[in-house]
Amino acid sequence: MISKKINGKIYYYLAVSARVEGKPRIVEQKYLGPPRTSRRRRHAHQHDIDLSVRALLDALAGIEETVLLYPDTCGRPKAHRMITDTDQLQQHLFEIFQLHRWAPLGNTPNRDPHDS
């Protein structure tokens, strides 16, 4: 998750980075909206997660996606997406904020998508 300051206002994006020509680049981003920290904190609290706004944002920022690009015979590289290792708190936040809409867990190695 990254933030951008545009015309003095902060906006959040879920960003996907990959190496392009050997350099890290943002290859995809989804707009999450302006900061609604009180609403996000209240939503987390409803799921028995009581964190400060800073701790909540730090935990969410630690949820990262890795994209591995493989060459394909058709010219367009194949992408394999996976979520980096997360702790129990981050896994719970991933579920309650429904982050699978942008970064599905199904391609994550060593994690069964049917386990809860």
C-alpha atoms as a PDB file:
ATOM      1  CA  MET A   1       0.000   0.000   0.000  1.00  0.00           C
ATOM      2  CA  ILE A   2       1.371   3.409  -0.919  1.00  0.00           C
ATOM      3  CA  SER A   3       0.156   6.936  -0.337  1.00  0.00           C
ATOM      4  CA  LYS A   4       0.334   9.860  -2.731  1.00  0.00           C
ATOM      5  CA  LYS A   5      -0.059  13.520  -1.888  1.00  0.00           C
ATOM      6  CA  ILE A   6      -2.019  15.287  -4.623  1.00  0.00           C
ATOM      7  CA  ASN A   7      -2.959  18.960  -4.241  1.00  0.00           C
ATOM      8  CA  GLY A   8      -2.264  18.728  -0.519  1.00  0.00           C
ATOM      9  CA  LYS A   9      -4.551  15.705   0.029  1.00  0.00           C
ATOM     10  CA  ILE A  10      -3.421  12.139   0.716  1.00  0.00           C
ATOM     11  CA  TYR A  11      -4.767   9.205  -1.318  1.00  0.00           C
ATOM     12  CA  TYR A  12      -4.038   5.497  -0.860  1.00  0.00           C
ATOM     13  CA  TYR A  13      -3.239   2.935  -3.550  1.00  0.00           C
ATOM     14  CA  LEU A  14      -2.597  -0.787  -3.502  1.00  0.00           C
ATOM     15  CA  ALA A  15       0.544  -1.059  -5.629  1.00  0.00           C
ATOM     16  CA  VAL A  16       2.151  -4.044  -7.330  1.00  0.00           C
ATOM     17  CA  SER A  17       5.868  -3.811  -8.029  1.00  0.00           C
ATOM     18  CA  ALA A  18       7.981  -5.906 -10.364  1.00  0.00           C
ATOM     19  CA  ARG A  19      11.447  -5.678 -11.855  1.00  0.00           C
ATOM     20  CA  VAL A  20      11.333  -4.177 -15.338  1.00  0.00           C
ATOM     21  CA  GLU A  21      14.649  -4.151 -17.164  1.00  0.00           C
ATOM     22  CA  GLY A  22      16.340  -4.928 -13.846  1.00  0.00           C
ATOM     23  CA  LYS A  23      14.771  -2.015 -11.944  1.00  0.00           C
ATOM     24  CA  PRO A  24      11.826  -2.107  -9.522  1.00  0.00           C
ATOM     25  CA  ARG A  25       8.768  -0.405 -11.013  1.00  0.00           C
ATOM     26  CA  ILE A  26       5.107  -0.128 -10.090  1.00  0.00           C
ATOM     27  CA  VAL A  27       3.394  -2.238 -12.742  1.00  0.00           C
ATOM     28  CA  GLU A  28      -0.158  -2.057 -11.408  1.00  0.00           C
ATOM     29  CA  GLN A  29      -2.021   0.025  -8.880  1.00  0.00           C
ATOM     30  CA  LYS A  30      -5.573   0.130  -7.567  1.00  0.00           C
ATOM     31  CA  TYR A  31      -7.067   3.245  -6.038  1.00  0.00           C
ATOM     32  CA  LEU A  32      -8.218   2.682  -2.457  1.00  0.00           C
ATOM     33  CA  GLY A  33      -9.394   6.208  -1.786  1.00  0.00           C
ATOM     34  CA  PRO A  34      -8.618   8.993   0.644  1.00  0.00           C
ATOM     35  CA  PRO A  35      -7.600   8.085   4.172  1.00  0.00           C
ATOM     36  CA  ARG A  36     -10.571   6.973   6.184  1.00  0.00           C
ATOM     37  CA  THR A  37      -8.597   5.941   9.181  1.00  0.00           C
ATOM     38  CA  SER A  38     -11.374   6.288  11.711  1.00  0.00           C
ATOM     39  CA  ARG A  39     -13.667   4.116   9.589  1.00  0.00           C
ATOM     40  CA  ARG A  40     -10.945   1.507   9.021  1.00  0.00           C
ATOM     41  CA  ARG A  41     -10.028   1.515  12.701  1.00  0.00           C
ATOM     42  CA  ARG A  42     -13.706   1.100  13.683  1.00  0.00           C
ATOM     43  CA  HIS A  43     -14.072  -1.772  11.205  1.00  0.00           C
ATOM     44  CA  ALA A  44     -10.991  -3.489  12.675  1.00  0.00           C
ATOM     45  CA  HIS A  45     -12.331  -2.905  16.207  1.00  0.00           C
ATOM     46  CA  GLN A  46     -15.602  -4.642  15.239  1.00  0.00           C
ATOM     47  CA  HIS A  47     -13.457  -7.698  14.484  1.00  0.00           C
ATOM     48  CA  ASP A  48     -11.697  -7.567  17.882  1.00  0.00           C
ATOM     49  CA  ILE A  49      -8.588  -5.782  16.595  1.00  0.00           C
ATOM     50  CA  ASP A  50      -7.886  -2.768  18.763  1.00  0.00           C
ATOM     51  CA  LEU A  51      -4.923  -0.882  17.303  1.00  0.00           C
ATOM     52  CA  SER A  52      -3.906   2.725  17.015  1.00  0.00           C
ATOM     53  CA  VAL A  53      -4.297   4.240  13.565  1.00  0.00           C
ATOM     54  CA  ARG A  54      -0.508   4.170  13.115  1.00  0.00           C
ATOM     55  CA  ALA A  55      -0.226   0.489  14.136  1.00  0.00           C
ATOM     56  CA  LEU A  56      -3.157  -0.439  11.877  1.00  0.00           C
ATOM     57  CA  LEU A  57      -1.619   1.314   8.862  1.00  0.00           C
ATOM     58  CA  ASP A  58       1.797  -0.217   9.598  1.00  0.00           C
ATOM     59  CA  ALA A  59       0.278  -3.717   9.734  1.00  0.00           C
ATOM     60  CA  LEU A  60      -1.626  -3.128   6.470  1.00  0.00           C
ATOM     61  CA  ALA A  61       1.486  -1.731   4.793  1.00  0.00           C
ATOM     62  CA  GLY A  62       3.321  -4.951   5.678  1.00  0.00           C
ATOM     63  CA  ILE A  63       0.985  -6.988   3.461  1.00  0.00           C
ATOM     64  CA  GLU A  64       2.842  -7.103   0.175  1.00  0.00           C
ATOM     65  CA  GLU A  65       2.371  -8.844  -3.146  1.00  0.00           C
ATOM     66  CA  THR A  66       5.172 -10.237  -5.264  1.00  0.00           C
ATOM     67  CA  VAL A  67       4.751 -10.670  -8.995  1.00  0.00           C
ATOM     68  CA  LEU A  68       7.061 -13.062 -10.809  1.00  0.00           C
ATOM     69  CA  LEU A  69       7.149 -12.567 -14.577  1.00  0.00           C
ATOM     70  CA  TYR A  70       8.024 -15.540 -16.775  1.00  0.00           C
ATOM     71  CA  PRO A  71       8.708 -15.395 -20.517  1.00  0.00           C
ATOM     72  CA  ASP A  72       6.019 -16.873 -22.741  1.00  0.00           C
ATOM     73  CA  THR A  73       6.186 -18.134 -26.306  1.00  0.00           C
ATOM     74  CA  CYS A  74       3.331 -15.791 -27.294  1.00  0.00           C
ATOM     75  CA  GLY A  75       5.362 -12.694 -26.480  1.00  0.00           C
ATOM     76  CA  ARG A  76       3.465 -11.532 -23.398  1.00  0.00           C
ATOM     77  CA  PRO A  77       5.070 -12.606 -20.106  1.00  0.00           C
ATOM     78  CA  LYS A  78       3.104 -14.776 -17.699  1.00  0.00           C
ATOM     79  CA  ALA A  79       2.624 -13.353 -14.219  1.00  0.00           C
ATOM     80  CA  HIS A  80       2.527 -15.420 -11.041  1.00  0.00           C
ATOM     81  CA  ARG A  81       1.233 -13.423  -8.087  1.00  0.00           C
ATOM     82  CA  MET A  82       1.739 -14.268  -4.449  1.00  0.00           C
ATOM     83  CA  ILE A  83       1.368 -12.555  -1.114  1.00  0.00           C
ATOM     84  CA  THR A  84       4.571 -12.319   0.894  1.00  0.00           C
ATOM     85  CA  ASP A  85       4.687 -13.982   4.295  1.00  0.00           C
ATOM     86  CA  THR A  86       2.297 -12.368   6.743  1.00  0.00           C
ATOM     87  CA  ASP A  87       1.848 -12.709  10.458  1.00  0.00           C
ATOM     88  CA  GLN A  88      -1.436 -13.725  12.087  1.00  0.00           C
ATOM     89  CA  LEU A  89      -2.589 -10.106  12.524  1.00  0.00           C
ATOM     90  CA  GLN A  90      -1.909  -9.290   8.869  1.00  0.00           C
ATOM     91  CA  GLN A  91      -3.747 -12.436   7.732  1.00  0.00           C
ATOM     92  CA  HIS A  92      -6.765 -11.378   9.790  1.00  0.00           C
ATOM     93  CA  LEU A  93      -6.632  -7.820   8.379  1.00  0.00           C
ATOM     94  CA  PHE A  94      -6.321  -9.273   4.862  1.00  0.00           C
ATOM     95  CA  GLU A  95      -9.584 -11.149   5.459  1.00  0.00           C
ATOM     96  CA  ILE A  96     -11.634  -8.433   7.173  1.00  0.00           C
ATOM     97  CA  PHE A  97     -10.668  -5.731   4.665  1.00  0.00           C
ATOM     98  CA  GLN A  98     -11.245  -8.205   1.808  1.00  0.00           C
ATOM     99  CA  LEU A  99      -7.879  -7.487   0.198  1.00  0.00           C
ATOM    100  CA  HIS A 100      -8.230 -10.684  -1.847  1.00  0.00           C
ATOM    101  CA  ARG A 101     -10.215  -8.534  -4.305  1.00  0.00           C
ATOM    102  CA  TRP A 102      -6.900  -6.991  -5.405  1.00  0.00           C
ATOM    103  CA  ALA A 103      -4.365  -9.636  -4.440  1.00  0.00           C
ATOM    104  CA  PRO A 104      -5.819 -13.150  -4.268  1.00  0.00           C
ATOM    105  CA  LEU A 105      -4.348 -15.602  -1.805  1.00  0.00           C
ATOM    106  CA  GLY A 106      -4.929 -18.548  -4.148  1.00  0.00           C
ATOM    107  CA  ASN A 107      -1.461 -18.266  -5.717  1.00  0.00           C
ATOM    108  CA  THR A 108       0.356 -18.000  -2.422  1.00  0.00           C
ATOM    109  CA  PRO A 109       2.772 -20.891  -1.935  1.00  0.00           C
ATOM    110  CA  ASN A 110       2.432 -23.060   1.180  1.00  0.00           C
ATOM    111  CA  ARG A 111      -0.994 -21.665   1.992  1.00  0.00           C
ATOM    112  CA  ASP A 112      -4.208 -23.606   1.386  1.00  0.00           C
ATOM    113  CA  PRO A 113      -6.965 -21.154   0.327  1.00  0.00           C
ATOM    114  CA  HIS A 114      -9.519 -23.399   2.069  1.00  0.00           C
ATOM    115  CA  ASP A 115      -7.854 -23.029   5.477  1.00  0.00           C
ATOM    116  CA  SER A 116      -9.373 -20.385   7.717  1.00  0.00           C
END
